[in-house]
PDB file of N, CA and C in Angstrom:
ATOM      1  N   UNK A   1       0.828  -1.407   0.123  1.00  0.00           N
ATOM      2  CA  UNK A   1       0.568  -0.316  -0.216  1.00  0.00           C
ATOM      3  C   UNK A   1       1.135   0.926  -0.058  1.00  0.00           C
ATOM      4  N   UNK A   2       0.701   2.424  -1.010  1.00  0.00           N
ATOM      5  CA  UNK A   2       1.143   3.637  -1.123  1.00  0.00           C
ATOM      6  C   UNK A   2       1.556   4.147   0.627  1.00  0.00           C
ATOM      7  N   UNK A   3       2.073   4.309   0.689  1.00  0.00           N
ATOM      8  CA  UNK A   3       2.760   5.581   1.989  1.00  0.00           C
ATOM      9  C   UNK A   3       1.238   6.450   2.412  1.00  0.00           C
ATOM     10  N   UNK A   4       1.061   6.753   1.040  1.00  0.00           N
ATOM     11  CA  UNK A   4      -0.014   8.358   1.577  1.00  0.00           C
ATOM     12  C   UNK A   4      -1.433   8.159   1.737  1.00  0.00           C
ATOM     13  N   UNK A   5      -1.345   6.855   1.011  1.00  0.00           N
ATOM     14  CA  UNK A   5      -2.567   5.510   1.535  1.00  0.00           C
ATOM     15  C   UNK A   5      -2.598   5.214   3.051  1.00  0.00           C
ATOM     16  N   UNK A   6      -1.656   5.325   3.730  1.00  0.00           N
ATOM     17  CA  UNK A   6      -1.064   4.308   4.647  1.00  0.00           C
ATOM     18  C   UNK A   6      -1.424   5.520   5.633  1.00  0.00           C
ATOM     19  N   UNK A   7      -0.955   6.570   5.433  1.00  0.00           N
ATOM     20  CA  UNK A   7      -0.606   8.345   6.507  1.00  0.00           C
ATOM     21  C   UNK A   7      -2.842   8.709   6.333  1.00  0.00           C
ATOM     22  N   UNK A   8      -3.388   8.288   5.774  1.00  0.00           N
ATOM     23  CA  UNK A   8      -4.427   8.553   5.547  1.00  0.00           C
ATOM     24  C   UNK A   8      -5.527   8.029   6.053  1.00  0.00           C
ATOM     25  N   UNK A   9      -4.753   6.702   5.819  1.00  0.00           N
ATOM     26  CA  UNK A   9      -5.566   5.973   6.378  1.00  0.00           C
ATOM     27  C   UNK A   9      -5.485   5.373   7.971  1.00  0.00           C
ATOM     28  N   UNK A  10      -4.206   5.458   8.893  1.00  0.00           N
ATOM     29  CA  UNK A  10      -4.018   5.767  10.389  1.00  0.00           C
ATOM     30  C   UNK A  10      -4.960   7.625  10.645  1.00  0.00           C
ATOM     31  N   UNK A  11      -4.628   8.441   9.537  1.00  0.00           N
ATOM     32  CA  UNK A  11      -5.727   9.925  10.041  1.00  0.00           C
ATOM     33  C   UNK A  11      -6.615   9.483  10.187  1.00  0.00           C
ATOM     34  N   UNK A  12      -7.852   8.387   9.417  1.00  0.00           N
ATOM     35  CA  UNK A  12      -8.711   8.417   9.281  1.00  0.00           C
ATOM     36  C   UNK A  12      -9.418   7.782  11.180  1.00  0.00           C
ATOM     37  N   UNK A  13      -8.514   6.695  10.616  1.00  0.00           N
ATOM     38  CA  UNK A  13      -8.632   5.721  11.980  1.00  0.00           C
ATOM     39  C   UNK A  13      -8.132   6.504  13.058  1.00  0.00           C
ATOM     40  N   UNK A  14      -7.521   6.689  13.384  1.00  0.00           N
ATOM     41  CA  UNK A  14      -7.389   8.299  14.520  1.00  0.00           C
ATOM     42  C   UNK A  14      -9.173   8.861  14.866  1.00  0.00           C
ATOM     43  N   UNK A  15      -9.565   9.787  13.584  1.00  0.00           N
ATOM     44  CA  UNK A  15     -11.196  10.762  13.412  1.00  0.00           C
ATOM     45  C   UNK A  15     -11.876   9.725  13.489  1.00  0.00           C
ATOM     46  N   UNK A  16     -11.825   8.296  14.004  1.00  0.00           N
ATOM     47  CA  UNK A  16     -13.191   7.247  13.913  1.00  0.00           C
ATOM     48  C   UNK A  16     -13.782   7.019  15.308  1.00  0.00           C
ATOM     49  N   UNK A  17     -11.742   6.379  15.848  1.00  0.00           N
ATOM     50  CA  UNK A  17     -11.297   6.400  17.579  1.00  0.00           C
ATOM     51  C   UNK A  17     -12.608   8.020  18.568  1.00  0.00           C
ATOM     52  N   UNK A  18     -11.741   8.590  17.856  1.00  0.00           N
ATOM     53  CA  UNK A  18     -11.976   9.749  18.769  1.00  0.00           C
ATOM     54  C   UNK A  18     -13.466  10.253  18.152  1.00  0.00           C
ATOM     55  N   UNK A  19     -14.455   9.401  17.547  1.00  0.00           N
ATOM     56  CA  UNK A  19     -15.745   9.735  16.430  1.00  0.00           C
ATOM     57  C   UNK A  19     -16.471  11.189  16.401  1.00  0.00           C
ATOM     58  N   UNK A  20     -15.231  11.322  15.696  1.00  0.00           N
ATOM     59  CA  UNK A  20     -15.223  12.406  14.646  1.00  0.00           C
ATOM     60  C   UNK A  20     -14.725  12.304  13.323  1.00  0.00           C
ATOM     61  N   UNK A  21     -14.846  11.841  12.809  1.00  0.00           N
ATOM     62  CA  UNK A  21     -15.259  10.873  11.473  1.00  0.00           C
ATOM     63  C   UNK A  21     -16.381  11.181  10.858  1.00  0.00           C
ATOM     64  N   UNK A  22     -16.620  11.850   9.587  1.00  0.00           N
ATOM     65  CA  UNK A  22     -17.723  11.703   9.104  1.00  0.00           C
ATOM     66  C   UNK A  22     -17.986  11.247   8.218  1.00  0.00           C
ATOM     67  N   UNK A  23     -19.947  11.062   7.803  1.00  0.00           N
ATOM     68  CA  UNK A  23     -19.656   9.628   7.142  1.00  0.00           C
ATOM     69  C   UNK A  23     -18.480   9.703   5.970  1.00  0.00           C
ATOM     70  N   UNK A  24     -18.861  10.666   4.932  1.00  0.00           N
ATOM     71  CA  UNK A  24     -17.965  10.020   3.949  1.00  0.00           C
ATOM     72  C   UNK A  24     -16.383   9.258   4.093  1.00  0.00           C
ATOM     73  N   UNK A  25     -15.991  10.127   5.687  1.00  0.00           N
ATOM     74  CA  UNK A  25     -14.826   9.401   5.427  1.00  0.00           C
ATOM     75  C   UNK A  25     -14.640   8.194   6.775  1.00  0.00           C
ATOM     76  N   UNK A  26     -15.582   7.977   6.773  1.00  0.00           N
ATOM     77  CA  UNK A  26     -15.772   6.714   7.128  1.00  0.00           C
ATOM     78  C   UNK A  26     -15.877   6.174   6.396  1.00  0.00           C
ATOM     79  N   UNK A  27     -16.990   5.831   5.312  1.00  0.00           N
ATOM     80  CA  UNK A  27     -16.927   5.166   4.352  1.00  0.00           C
ATOM     81  C   UNK A  27     -15.141   5.057   3.451  1.00  0.00           C
ATOM     82  N   UNK A  28     -14.987   6.477   3.187  1.00  0.00           N
ATOM     83  CA  UNK A  28     -13.199   6.105   2.662  1.00  0.00           C
ATOM     84  C   UNK A  28     -12.472   5.188   4.117  1.00  0.00           C
ATOM     85  N   UNK A  29     -12.425   5.354   5.188  1.00  0.00           N
ATOM     86  CA  UNK A  29     -12.079   4.922   6.142  1.00  0.00           C
ATOM     87  C   UNK A  29     -12.455   3.056   5.587  1.00  0.00           C
ATOM     88  N   UNK A  30     -13.106   2.534   5.160  1.00  0.00           N
ATOM     89  CA  UNK A  30     -13.890   1.714   4.839  1.00  0.00           C
ATOM     90  C   UNK A  30     -13.391   0.997   4.328  1.00  0.00           C
ATOM     91  N   UNK A  31     -12.997   1.943   2.862  1.00  0.00           N
ATOM     92  CA  UNK A  31     -12.136   1.496   1.416  1.00  0.00           C
ATOM     93  C   UNK A  31     -11.237   1.542   1.786  1.00  0.00           C
ATOM     94  N   UNK A  32     -10.136   1.883   2.086  1.00  0.00           N
ATOM     95  CA  UNK A  32      -8.924   1.988   2.540  1.00  0.00           C
ATOM     96  C   UNK A  32      -8.211   0.782   3.956  1.00  0.00           C
ATOM     97  N   UNK A  33      -8.895   0.435   4.552  1.00  0.00           N
ATOM     98  CA  UNK A  33      -8.584  -0.544   5.727  1.00  0.00           C
ATOM     99  C   UNK A  33      -9.235  -1.925   4.580  1.00  0.00           C
ATOM    100  N   UNK A  34     -10.234  -1.746   3.773  1.00  0.00           N
ATOM    101  CA  UNK A  34      -9.929  -3.022   2.972  1.00  0.00           C
ATOM    102  C   UNK A  34      -8.616  -3.469   1.603  1.00  0.00           C
ATOM    103  N   UNK A  35      -8.692  -2.226   1.244  1.00  0.00           N
ATOM    104  CA  UNK A  35      -7.485  -2.555   0.615  1.00  0.00           C
ATOM    105  C   UNK A  35      -6.475  -2.261   1.114  1.00  0.00           C
ATOM    106  N   UNK A  36      -5.847  -1.990   1.759  1.00  0.00           N
ATOM    107  CA  UNK A  36      -4.973  -2.150   3.060  1.00  0.00           C
ATOM    108  C   UNK A  36      -4.895  -3.932   3.962  1.00  0.00           C
ATOM    109  N   UNK A  37      -6.222  -4.310   4.110  1.00  0.00           N
ATOM    110  CA  UNK A  37      -6.155  -6.035   4.280  1.00  0.00           C
ATOM    111  C   UNK A  37      -5.939  -6.981   3.237  1.00  0.00           C
ATOM    112  N   UNK A  38      -6.657  -6.540   1.759  1.00  0.00           N
ATOM    113  CA  UNK A  38      -6.141  -7.453   1.126  1.00  0.00           C
ATOM    114  C   UNK A  38      -5.050  -7.156   0.465  1.00  0.00           C
ATOM    115  N   UNK A  39      -3.874  -5.012   0.736  1.00  0.00           N
ATOM    116  CA  UNK A  39      -3.002  -5.834  -0.458  1.00  0.00           C
ATOM    117  C   UNK A  39      -2.132  -7.034   0.005  1.00  0.00           C
ATOM    118  N   UNK A  40      -1.345  -7.487  -1.674  1.00  0.00           N
ATOM    119  CA  UNK A  40      -0.175  -8.214  -1.671  1.00  0.00           C
ATOM    120  C   UNK A  40      -1.122  -9.962  -1.964  1.00  0.00           C
ATOM    121  N   UNK A  41      -2.491  -9.545  -1.417  1.00  0.00           N
ATOM    122  CA  UNK A  41      -3.418 -11.201  -1.204  1.00  0.00           C
ATOM    123  C   UNK A  41      -3.771 -11.812  -2.955  1.00  0.00           C
ATOM    124  N   UNK A  42      -3.263 -12.584  -3.374  1.00  0.00           N
ATOM    125  CA  UNK A  42      -4.680 -13.598  -4.766  1.00  0.00           C
ATOM    126  C   UNK A  42      -6.212 -13.290  -4.224  1.00  0.00           C
ATOM    127  N   UNK A  43      -5.790 -12.504  -5.375  1.00  0.00           N
ATOM    128  CA  UNK A  43      -7.390 -12.522  -5.487  1.00  0.00           C
ATOM    129  C   UNK A  43      -8.284 -13.579  -6.292  1.00  0.00           C
ATOM    130  N   UNK A  44      -8.442 -15.264  -5.389  1.00  0.00           N
ATOM    131  CA  UNK A  44      -8.899 -16.088  -5.386  1.00  0.00           C
ATOM    132  C   UNK A  44     -11.321 -15.880  -5.812  1.00  0.00           C
ATOM    133  N   UNK A  45     -11.337 -16.957  -6.401  1.00  0.00           N
ATOM    134  CA  UNK A  45     -13.109 -16.872  -6.396  1.00  0.00           C
ATOM    135  C   UNK A  45     -13.056 -17.638  -4.968  1.00  0.00           C
ATOM    136  N   UNK A  46     -14.032 -17.473  -4.957  1.00  0.00           N
ATOM    137  CA  UNK A  46     -15.229 -18.063  -3.812  1.00  0.00           C
ATOM    138  C   UNK A  46     -15.164 -19.770  -3.809  1.00  0.00           C
ATOM    139  N   UNK A  47     -14.349 -20.262  -3.271  1.00  0.00           N
ATOM    140  CA  UNK A  47     -15.340 -21.818  -3.230  1.00  0.00           C
ATOM    141  C   UNK A  47     -15.638 -22.249  -1.925  1.00  0.00           C
ATOM    142  N   UNK A  48     -17.130 -21.906  -1.948  1.00  0.00           N
ATOM    143  CA  UNK A  48     -17.362 -22.193  -0.786  1.00  0.00           C
ATOM    144  C   UNK A  48     -18.281 -23.587  -1.245  1.00  0.00           C
ATOM    145  N   UNK A  49     -18.435 -25.030  -0.549  1.00  0.00           N
ATOM    146  CA  UNK A  49     -19.191 -25.640  -0.725  1.00  0.00           C
ATOM    147  C   UNK A  49     -21.006 -25.458  -0.144  1.00  0.00           C
ATOM    148  N   UNK A  50     -21.600 -25.510  -0.078  1.00  0.00           N
ATOM    149  CA  UNK A  50     -23.322 -25.204   0.165  1.00  0.00           C
ATOM    150  C   UNK A  50     -23.792 -26.259   0.456  1.00  0.00           C
ATOM    151  N   UNK A  51     -23.949 -26.918   1.729  1.00  0.00           N
ATOM    152  CA  UNK A  51     -24.452 -28.189   1.746  1.00  0.00           C
ATOM    153  C   UNK A  51     -26.292 -27.713   2.140  1.00  0.00           C
ATOM    154  N   UNK A  52     -26.942 -28.909   1.555  1.00  0.00           N
ATOM    155  CA  UNK A  52     -28.693 -28.829   1.821  1.00  0.00           C
ATOM    156  C   UNK A  52     -28.866 -28.564   3.158  1.00  0.00           C
ATOM    157  N   UNK A  53     -29.911 -27.810   3.730  1.00  0.00           N
ATOM    158  CA  UNK A  53     -29.934 -28.047   5.035  1.00  0.00           C
ATOM    159  C   UNK A  53     -30.831 -28.787   5.726  1.00  0.00           C
ATOM    160  N   UNK A  54     -31.532 -29.276   5.066  1.00  0.00           N
ATOM    161  CA  UNK A  54     -32.344 -31.008   5.315  1.00  0.00           C
ATOM    162  C   UNK A  54     -31.827 -32.028   5.483  1.00  0.00           C
ATOM    163  N   UNK A  55     -30.216 -31.977   4.957  1.00  0.00           N
ATOM    164  CA  UNK A  55     -29.676 -33.584   5.421  1.00  0.00           C
ATOM    165  C   UNK A  55     -28.454 -33.209   6.913  1.00  0.00           C
ATOM    166  N   UNK A  56     -28.630 -34.106   7.460  1.00  0.00           N
ATOM    167  CA  UNK A  56     -27.670 -33.746   8.562  1.00  0.00           C
ATOM    168  C   UNK A  56     -27.990 -35.078   9.428  1.00  0.00           C
ATOM    169  N   UNK A  57     -26.064 -35.192   9.280  1.00  0.00           N
ATOM    170  CA  UNK A  57     -25.421 -36.408   9.616  1.00  0.00           C
ATOM    171  C   UNK A  57     -25.343 -36.409  11.125  1.00  0.00           C
ATOM    172  N   UNK A  58     -25.471 -37.515  11.995  1.00  0.00           N
ATOM    173  CA  UNK A  58     -24.574 -36.653  13.087  1.00  0.00           C
ATOM    174  C   UNK A  58     -23.856 -38.495  14.026  1.00  0.00           C
ATOM    175  N   UNK A  59     -23.202 -38.052  14.268  1.00  0.00           N
ATOM    176  CA  UNK A  59     -21.854 -39.095  14.772  1.00  0.00           C
ATOM    177  C   UNK A  59     -22.918 -40.273  15.273  1.00  0.00           C
ATOM    178  N   UNK A  60     -22.963 -41.611  15.467  1.00  0.00           N
ATOM    179  CA  UNK A  60     -22.643 -42.338  16.401  1.00  0.00           C
ATOM    180  C   UNK A  60     -22.228 -43.128  16.034  1.00  0.00           C
TER     181      UNK A  60
END
């Protein structure tokens, strides 16, 4: 993540903790935080396998 974005993330985080962040700043913080978390990660498609709710197995 670029240094200027990281500095902005830090600034917005401090404002949010102090309850001084405006709505647009909260949205910007959310976007920057997601970028920070995902930085360097490979974007892999979701491979979640869904199981039917009606079928349950129990150990016996």
